[in-house]
Amino acid sequence: MKKSLAFAAICLAGCMTAAAGCSAKTRNLASLSSNWYTDSDLKGIQPTFTEGNEGFMPESLVYTVTQAKAPKNRSYAAEYADGTYSTKFYAKKISSAELETITREEWRKDYLDNSGQDHNGLVLYCYETALEIPSVTYKFHRLEDVVEEKKFENEYLRTISYFLPVRDYLSPVYTRQEIKSAAPKAPQAVNLEGCYLETDRIYESFYNLSFSEVYTKIYDNLADDGNKESVFQADGLNGRMNSVFDVTYLDVVVRATKNMSASLNQTVTLYRPGVIPADFTFTGSNSPLCADDETESDKQLGELQKILAANGLFEEGENEDGTPKKLETVAINVSYNDSVLTGVSQRYWFAAGNGNKARMLMLKYSAPIAYEQGTLEYVLKSVESLPDV
């Protein structure tokens, strides 16, 4: 989603002076809140959000994924079967054995030296996601209405991310992506093989504690030259103008924006594994859930309101004028520019306004597919578990 690399094609505030010793220039560090807690001003990690503690319960959500808008590309069409997107959000006490798997050896001592600051060892947020698409069918249109097809099955993007709490700007520690996809390859194609780009890779990214470097290991299962492993490094991250995050937990970063309103305007830098970091801008709006269909928008809103009410996140009843309380939402656009997907924006919706409780869940996510292949929409289907935080 959001995501990066091949799957980027189907998905992907206040200023302050940086601490002395890091940079003397002013940086635009993101203004963040723990919007997954009842007390969103909490900068640390709630004990009941941490695996192994008494009362622990992860936040587990499931979304339906549908290709809401049909392809408009005149050369070929990519048709996505309905899929699912599941997320699991919690915190973990990192053992010595696990620390060895999520840090580079030359950076590990810094994490060990810093792990006792709360007398609880090293505790990190953990965010797991799984996008599962049963099939994608490519249809290439030749002259005289001849159509050639190729079907790819069991497409997925699975991620796991470890990162620090809000007081440390949700800075990344370790992320892993597993991607198997056939994404749209180009604006136009001259044959069926030119319609899609196959990817079957694993990306592991390691960040140092001073947050100046990231080191990514790439495992390419489709490499035909026998060299399936490679590395990618980027440095100077803490010298950039904006806060830097890993794209694998973009859901959480957008959710954490402090000014969750139509007036939001926040620029951040995202690292997409294996790609030079790039700037993305978050902008708020009052866009409805379905801009082109008011009836469908009201229907989705009603279904989402029932889900939130059933989980204590929306208070049903009447307003002072006797009208029924209605779920209100705020939309957050995530836009960026690069040489391939210039101008493409993704959009998130969260609850906002009267009747909504403090904790925020992602209600919907809309991701344009590259090269006029429509849009994938993720809509909250169920809350599998919700921590008491």
Protein backbone atom coordinates (compact mmCIF):
# COMPACT_ATOMS: atom_id res chain seq x y z
CA MET A 1 0.00 0.00 0.00
CA LYS A 2 1.09 2.49 -0.10
CA LYS A 3 3.60 0.32 -0.31
CA SER A 4 6.63 0.35 -2.41
CA LEU A 5 8.44 -1.21 -5.30
CA ALA A 6 6.21 -3.35 -7.50
CA PHE A 7 3.25 -2.94 -5.19
CA ALA A 8 3.62 0.85 -5.21
CA ALA A 9 2.00 0.56 -8.60
CA ILE A 10 -1.19 -0.85 -7.15
CA CYS A 11 -1.50 0.93 -3.98
CA LEU A 12 1.78 3.19 -2.32
CA ALA A 13 4.25 20.00 11.79
CA GLY A 14 5.72 22.05 13.76
CA CYS A 15 9.28 23.15 13.12
CA MET A 16 11.92 22.84 15.79
CA THR A 17 15.68 22.97 16.09
CA ALA A 18 17.32 19.57 16.02
CA ALA A 19 19.25 18.49 19.09
CA ALA A 20 22.80 19.68 19.38
CA GLY A 21 25.31 17.21 18.01
CA CYS A 22 22.99 16.05 15.22
CA SER A 23 22.38 19.11 13.13
CA ALA A 24 22.46 22.86 13.60
CA LYS A 25 19.78 23.53 11.00
CA THR A 26 16.05 23.71 11.57
CA ARG A 27 14.15 20.53 10.71
CA ASN A 28 10.47 20.01 10.01
CA LEU A 29 9.91 17.21 12.53
CA ALA A 30 6.46 15.65 12.31
CA SER A 31 3.96 16.55 15.03
CA LEU A 32 2.68 13.18 16.27
CA SER A 33 0.18 11.73 18.75
CA SER A 34 -0.56 8.19 19.92
CA ASN A 35 -4.00 8.23 18.30
CA TRP A 36 -4.49 4.49 18.90
CA TYR A 37 -4.81 5.16 22.66
CA THR A 38 -7.68 6.78 24.57
CA ASP A 39 -5.05 9.22 25.87
CA SER A 40 -3.51 10.24 22.57
CA ASP A 41 -1.06 12.59 24.33
CA LEU A 42 0.84 9.61 25.76
CA LYS A 43 4.33 9.60 24.25
CA GLY A 44 5.38 6.16 25.45
CA ILE A 45 3.93 2.65 25.14
CA GLN A 46 1.02 1.39 27.25
CA PRO A 47 1.83 -1.74 29.31
CA THR A 48 -1.40 -3.47 28.20
CA PHE A 49 -0.38 -2.86 24.59
CA THR A 50 2.80 -4.88 25.20
CA GLU A 51 2.89 -8.59 24.50
CA GLY A 52 3.36 -10.71 27.62
CA ASN A 53 1.98 -8.16 30.08
CA GLU A 54 -1.20 -8.67 32.08
CA GLY A 55 -4.28 -7.67 30.09
CA PHE A 56 -2.40 -7.68 26.78
CA MET A 57 -4.49 -7.65 23.61
CA PRO A 58 -3.25 -6.70 20.13
CA GLU A 59 -5.23 -4.50 17.79
CA SER A 60 -6.24 -6.79 14.92
CA LEU A 61 -8.27 -5.45 11.98
CA VAL A 62 -9.48 -6.92 8.69
CA TYR A 63 -10.34 -4.96 5.54
CA THR A 64 -11.99 -5.97 2.28
CA VAL A 65 -9.99 -5.03 -0.84
CA THR A 66 -11.83 -4.39 -4.12
CA GLN A 67 -11.00 -2.83 -7.46
CA ALA A 68 -13.57 -0.07 -7.16
CA LYS A 69 -12.87 1.67 -10.46
CA ALA A 70 -12.34 -0.22 -13.69
CA PRO A 71 -9.20 0.19 -15.83
CA LYS A 72 -9.27 3.01 -18.40
CA ASN A 73 -6.03 2.10 -20.15
CA ARG A 74 -6.76 1.55 -23.85
CA SER A 75 -3.80 -0.76 -24.39
CA TYR A 76 -4.38 -3.34 -21.66
CA ALA A 77 -6.32 -4.02 -18.47
CA ALA A 78 -5.26 -5.38 -15.08
CA GLU A 79 -8.23 -6.94 -13.28
CA TYR A 80 -7.88 -7.70 -9.56
CA ALA A 81 -9.99 -10.27 -7.74
CA ASP A 82 -11.41 -9.21 -4.36
CA GLY A 83 -8.88 -9.66 -1.60
CA THR A 84 -8.22 -8.91 2.07
CA TYR A 85 -5.90 -6.68 4.06
CA SER A 86 -5.23 -7.55 7.69
CA THR A 87 -3.26 -5.59 10.28
CA LYS A 88 -1.92 -6.41 13.73
CA PHE A 89 -0.57 -3.64 15.96
CA TYR A 90 1.04 -4.13 19.38
CA ALA A 91 4.33 -3.71 21.25
CA LYS A 92 7.04 -6.24 22.12
CA LYS A 93 9.78 -6.61 24.69
CA ILE A 94 12.76 -7.44 22.53
CA SER A 95 14.84 -10.37 23.76
CA SER A 96 18.58 -10.66 23.15
CA ALA A 97 17.95 -13.39 20.59
CA GLU A 98 15.43 -11.29 18.69
CA LEU A 99 17.68 -8.24 18.83
CA GLU A 100 20.24 -10.25 16.88
CA THR A 101 17.74 -10.74 14.06
CA ILE A 102 16.54 -7.13 13.81
CA THR A 103 19.83 -5.21 14.14
CA ARG A 104 23.18 -5.25 12.40
CA GLU A 105 26.03 -6.49 14.57
CA GLU A 106 27.99 -3.23 14.37
CA TRP A 107 24.91 -1.24 15.55
CA ARG A 108 23.64 -3.66 18.18
CA LYS A 109 25.60 -2.33 21.15
CA ASP A 110 23.89 1.06 20.86
CA TYR A 111 20.49 -0.59 21.22
CA LEU A 112 21.69 -2.69 24.16
CA ASP A 113 23.12 0.36 25.93
CA ASN A 114 19.87 2.24 25.41
CA SER A 115 17.49 -0.59 26.32
CA GLY A 116 17.39 0.09 30.06
CA GLN A 117 16.12 3.66 29.93
CA ASP A 118 12.63 2.62 31.13
CA HIS A 119 13.90 -0.26 33.30
CA ASN A 120 11.83 -2.54 31.05
CA GLY A 121 14.45 -3.45 28.48
CA LEU A 122 13.96 -2.55 24.85
CA VAL A 123 10.25 -2.22 24.03
CA LEU A 124 9.27 -1.48 20.45
CA TYR A 125 6.06 -1.11 18.52
CA CYS A 126 5.38 -3.93 16.08
CA TYR A 127 3.07 -3.56 13.08
CA GLU A 128 2.23 -6.53 10.87
CA THR A 129 0.24 -6.35 7.64
CA ALA A 130 -0.86 -8.84 4.97
CA LEU A 131 -2.38 -7.89 1.64
CA GLU A 132 -3.71 -11.01 -0.10
CA ILE A 133 -5.00 -10.84 -3.68
CA PRO A 134 -6.29 -14.20 -5.01
CA SER A 135 -5.58 -13.34 -8.64
CA VAL A 136 -4.69 -10.61 -11.13
CA THR A 137 -5.61 -11.08 -14.79
CA TYR A 138 -3.93 -9.08 -17.54
CA LYS A 139 -5.82 -8.58 -20.80
CA PHE A 140 -3.91 -7.23 -23.79
CA HIS A 141 -6.01 -5.76 -26.60
CA ARG A 142 -4.83 -6.38 -30.15
CA LEU A 143 -6.42 -5.06 -33.32
CA GLU A 144 -9.75 -6.51 -34.43
CA ASP A 145 -10.80 -7.04 -30.81
CA VAL A 146 -8.42 -9.94 -30.22
CA VAL A 147 -7.65 -10.26 -26.50
CA GLU A 148 -4.75 -12.16 -24.97
CA GLU A 149 -4.83 -12.98 -21.25
CA LYS A 150 -2.47 -14.04 -18.50
CA LYS A 151 -3.55 -14.81 -14.93
CA PHE A 152 -1.35 -14.56 -11.83
CA GLU A 153 -2.57 -16.23 -8.63
CA ASN A 154 -1.94 -15.79 -4.92
CA GLU A 155 -0.44 -12.30 -5.03
CA TYR A 156 0.61 -10.84 -1.68
CA LEU A 157 2.49 -8.16 0.20
CA ARG A 158 3.35 -9.07 3.81
CA THR A 159 5.23 -6.75 6.13
CA ILE A 160 6.47 -6.53 9.69
CA SER A 161 7.89 -3.34 11.18
CA TYR A 162 9.58 -2.50 14.48
CA PHE A 163 9.76 1.16 15.49
CA LEU A 164 10.14 3.45 18.49
CA PRO A 165 7.31 5.27 20.34
CA VAL A 166 5.97 8.75 19.60
CA ARG A 167 8.47 10.40 21.96
CA ASP A 168 11.14 9.14 19.54
CA TYR A 169 9.16 10.17 16.44
CA LEU A 170 8.17 6.59 15.59
CA SER A 171 11.68 6.12 14.21
CA PRO A 172 12.19 2.77 12.43
CA VAL A 173 14.42 0.01 13.76
CA TYR A 174 13.74 -2.94 11.44
CA THR A 175 11.31 -3.74 8.63
CA ARG A 176 10.68 -6.75 6.42
CA GLN A 177 8.63 -6.99 3.21
CA GLU A 178 7.70 -10.13 1.31
CA ILE A 179 6.31 -9.31 -2.13
CA LYS A 180 4.89 -11.56 -4.81
CA SER A 181 3.15 -9.48 -7.44
CA ALA A 182 2.56 -8.81 -11.11
CA ALA A 183 2.13 -5.04 -11.28
CA PRO A 184 1.30 -2.85 -14.31
CA LYS A 185 4.56 -2.25 -16.16
CA ALA A 186 4.08 0.73 -18.48
CA PRO A 187 1.57 3.28 -19.83
CA GLN A 188 1.22 1.29 -23.07
CA ALA A 189 2.21 -2.19 -24.24
CA VAL A 190 2.96 -3.77 -27.61
CA ASN A 191 2.41 -7.34 -26.44
CA LEU A 192 1.05 -9.26 -23.46
CA GLU A 193 4.46 -9.60 -21.79
CA GLY A 194 4.84 -5.82 -21.83
CA CYS A 195 1.78 -5.33 -19.62
CA TYR A 196 3.15 -6.58 -16.30
CA LEU A 197 6.26 -6.66 -14.13
CA GLU A 198 6.67 -9.74 -11.95
CA THR A 199 8.25 -9.40 -8.51
CA ASP A 200 9.07 -12.10 -5.96
CA ARG A 201 11.35 -10.56 -3.35
CA ILE A 202 12.11 -10.17 0.32
CA TYR A 203 13.46 -6.88 1.68
CA GLU A 204 15.00 -6.58 5.14
CA SER A 205 15.93 -3.09 6.33
CA PHE A 206 18.06 -2.32 9.40
CA TYR A 207 18.37 1.17 10.94
CA ASN A 208 21.05 2.36 13.34
CA LEU A 209 19.99 3.97 16.64
CA SER A 210 21.33 7.39 15.73
CA PHE A 211 19.00 7.15 12.75
CA SER A 212 21.55 8.22 10.20
CA GLU A 213 21.78 5.03 8.12
CA VAL A 214 19.62 2.25 6.72
CA TYR A 215 20.95 -1.01 5.32
CA THR A 216 18.66 -3.16 3.17
CA LYS A 217 19.18 -6.79 2.20
CA ILE A 218 17.34 -7.81 -0.97
CA TYR A 219 16.52 -11.42 -1.84
CA ASP A 220 15.28 -11.74 -5.43
CA ASN A 221 13.74 -15.15 -6.10
CA LEU A 222 13.34 -14.35 -9.81
CA ALA A 223 16.98 -13.41 -10.44
CA ASP A 224 18.14 -15.41 -13.45
CA ASP A 225 21.86 -14.72 -13.12
CA GLY A 226 22.30 -16.79 -9.98
CA ASN A 227 22.89 -13.68 -7.87
CA LYS A 228 19.73 -13.58 -5.78
CA GLU A 229 21.12 -11.44 -2.95
CA SER A 230 22.08 -7.77 -3.02
CA VAL A 231 22.25 -4.80 -0.64
CA PHE A 232 21.18 -1.16 -0.72
CA GLN A 233 22.35 1.53 1.69
CA ALA A 234 21.25 5.08 2.38
CA ASP A 235 22.83 7.48 4.85
CA GLY A 236 22.33 11.03 6.04
CA LEU A 237 18.74 10.27 7.08
CA ASN A 238 18.95 12.41 10.22
CA GLY A 239 20.20 15.32 8.15
CA ARG A 240 17.11 15.56 5.97
CA MET A 241 14.68 18.45 6.41
CA ASN A 242 11.72 16.22 7.37
CA SER A 243 11.11 13.29 9.69
CA VAL A 244 11.99 10.01 8.01
CA PHE A 245 9.85 6.86 8.25
CA ASP A 246 9.80 3.46 6.58
CA VAL A 247 6.92 3.00 4.14
CA THR A 248 6.00 -0.41 5.62
CA TYR A 249 4.17 1.28 8.50
CA LEU A 250 2.79 4.28 6.63
CA ASP A 251 -0.67 3.38 7.98
CA VAL A 252 0.55 4.11 11.51
CA VAL A 253 2.41 7.30 10.56
CA VAL A 254 -0.65 8.82 8.89
CA ARG A 255 -2.80 7.72 11.83
CA ALA A 256 -0.37 9.42 14.24
CA THR A 257 -0.61 12.89 12.71
CA LYS A 258 -1.52 15.30 15.49
CA ASN A 259 -3.62 17.71 13.43
CA MET A 260 -6.08 15.11 12.16
CA SER A 261 -8.32 17.60 10.33
CA ALA A 262 -9.08 19.14 6.95
CA SER A 263 -6.40 21.76 7.61
CA LEU A 264 -3.57 19.24 7.90
CA ASN A 265 -0.47 19.91 5.81
CA GLN A 266 2.60 17.91 6.79
CA THR A 267 5.61 16.83 4.74
CA VAL A 268 7.60 13.74 5.68
CA THR A 269 10.27 11.62 4.06
CA LEU A 270 9.61 7.94 3.38
CA TYR A 271 12.18 5.25 2.73
CA ARG A 272 10.93 2.60 0.34
CA PRO A 273 13.30 -0.38 0.67
CA GLY A 274 15.81 -0.35 -2.13
CA VAL A 275 14.85 3.16 -3.28
CA ILE A 276 16.35 6.57 -2.43
CA PRO A 277 14.19 8.30 0.27
CA ALA A 278 11.59 10.72 -1.12
CA ASP A 279 9.32 13.41 0.28
CA PHE A 280 5.59 12.81 0.71
CA THR A 281 2.97 15.36 1.75
CA PHE A 282 -0.05 14.68 3.98
CA THR A 283 -3.00 17.00 3.35
CA GLY A 284 -6.40 16.87 5.05
CA SER A 285 -9.83 17.27 3.47
CA ASN A 286 -13.51 16.61 4.05
CA SER A 287 -13.79 14.31 1.02
CA PRO A 288 -16.64 11.79 1.36
CA LEU A 289 -15.98 8.06 1.36
CA CYS A 290 -17.28 7.72 -2.21
CA ALA A 291 -16.98 11.04 -4.02
CA ASP A 292 -18.80 9.83 -7.16
CA ASP A 293 -21.70 8.03 -5.46
CA GLU A 294 -23.54 9.67 -2.56
CA THR A 295 -25.76 6.62 -1.98
CA GLU A 296 -22.77 4.26 -1.76
CA SER A 297 -20.96 6.75 0.47
CA ASP A 298 -23.89 6.82 2.92
CA LYS A 299 -24.09 3.03 2.83
CA GLN A 300 -20.38 2.60 3.64
CA LEU A 301 -20.62 5.23 6.36
CA GLY A 302 -23.53 3.42 8.00
CA GLU A 303 -21.74 0.07 7.95
CA LEU A 304 -18.57 1.58 9.41
CA GLN A 305 -20.57 3.36 12.11
CA LYS A 306 -22.04 0.00 13.21
CA ILE A 307 -18.57 -1.54 13.45
CA LEU A 308 -17.24 1.34 15.56
CA ALA A 309 -20.33 1.39 17.80
CA ALA A 310 -20.07 -2.36 18.41
CA ASN A 311 -16.50 -1.87 19.62
CA GLY A 312 -17.14 1.16 21.83
CA LEU A 313 -15.58 3.64 19.40
CA PHE A 314 -18.75 5.52 18.47
CA GLU A 315 -21.60 6.67 20.69
CA GLU A 316 -24.91 6.22 18.93
CA GLY A 317 -27.97 8.27 19.87
CA GLU A 318 -29.41 11.65 19.02
CA ASN A 319 -28.02 15.15 18.67
CA GLU A 320 -29.50 18.06 20.64
CA ASP A 321 -31.88 18.80 17.76
CA GLY A 322 -33.22 15.25 17.81
CA THR A 323 -31.46 14.05 14.65
CA PRO A 324 -29.56 10.74 14.78
CA LYS A 325 -25.83 11.00 15.41
CA LYS A 326 -23.89 10.33 12.24
CA LEU A 327 -20.30 9.22 11.87
CA GLU A 328 -18.07 11.98 10.54
CA THR A 329 -14.79 11.34 8.79
CA VAL A 330 -11.65 13.20 7.82
CA ALA A 331 -9.66 12.28 4.73
CA ILE A 332 -5.86 12.41 4.56
CA ASN A 333 -4.19 12.46 1.15
CA VAL A 334 -0.65 11.12 0.78
CA SER A 335 0.92 12.49 -2.37
CA TYR A 336 4.39 12.27 -3.84
CA ASN A 337 6.35 12.77 -7.03
CA ASP A 338 8.88 10.52 -8.67
CA SER A 339 9.91 9.61 -12.19
CA VAL A 340 7.29 6.89 -12.51
CA LEU A 341 4.20 7.79 -10.49
CA THR A 342 4.17 11.59 -10.62
CA GLY A 343 1.06 13.06 -9.08
CA VAL A 344 -0.49 9.81 -7.85
CA SER A 345 -2.16 10.22 -4.44
CA GLN A 346 -3.36 7.73 -1.89
CA ARG A 347 -6.14 8.59 0.55
CA TYR A 348 -6.96 7.47 4.09
CA TRP A 349 -10.19 8.05 6.03
CA PHE A 350 -10.42 8.23 9.84
CA ALA A 351 -13.30 9.01 12.21
CA ALA A 352 -13.65 12.65 13.30
CA GLY A 353 -16.24 14.93 14.85
CA ASN A 354 -19.15 14.57 17.28
CA GLY A 355 -19.99 11.19 18.73
CA ASN A 356 -16.61 9.62 18.01
CA LYS A 357 -14.46 8.40 20.87
CA ALA A 358 -10.82 9.45 21.11
CA ARG A 359 -9.19 6.36 19.61
CA MET A 360 -8.92 6.34 15.84
CA LEU A 361 -9.01 3.41 13.44
CA MET A 362 -8.33 3.51 9.74
CA LEU A 363 -11.79 3.22 8.19
CA LYS A 364 -10.86 3.17 4.53
CA TYR A 365 -7.85 3.42 2.26
CA SER A 366 -7.93 4.19 -1.46
CA ALA A 367 -4.95 3.51 -3.72
CA PRO A 368 -4.87 4.37 -7.43
CA ILE A 369 -3.33 1.63 -9.56
CA ALA A 370 -0.62 2.84 -11.91
CA TYR A 371 -1.17 3.54 -15.59
CA GLU A 372 -4.94 4.11 -15.44
CA GLN A 373 -5.74 0.64 -14.13
CA GLY A 374 -8.40 1.80 -11.69
CA THR A 375 -8.35 2.01 -7.91
CA LEU A 376 -8.03 -0.49 -5.07
CA GLU A 377 -10.13 0.33 -2.02
CA TYR A 378 -9.64 -1.13 1.45
CA VAL A 379 -12.73 -0.84 3.69
CA LEU A 380 -12.84 -1.91 7.35
CA LYS A 381 -14.72 -5.22 7.60
CA SER A 382 -14.17 -6.34 11.19
CA VAL A 383 -12.34 -5.66 14.43
CA GLU A 384 -10.89 -9.03 15.44
CA SER A 385 -9.48 -7.75 18.73
CA LEU A 386 -9.08 -4.37 20.40
CA PRO A 387 -6.81 -3.68 23.40
CA ASP A 388 -8.10 -1.90 26.46
CA VAL A 389 -5.87 1.16 26.14
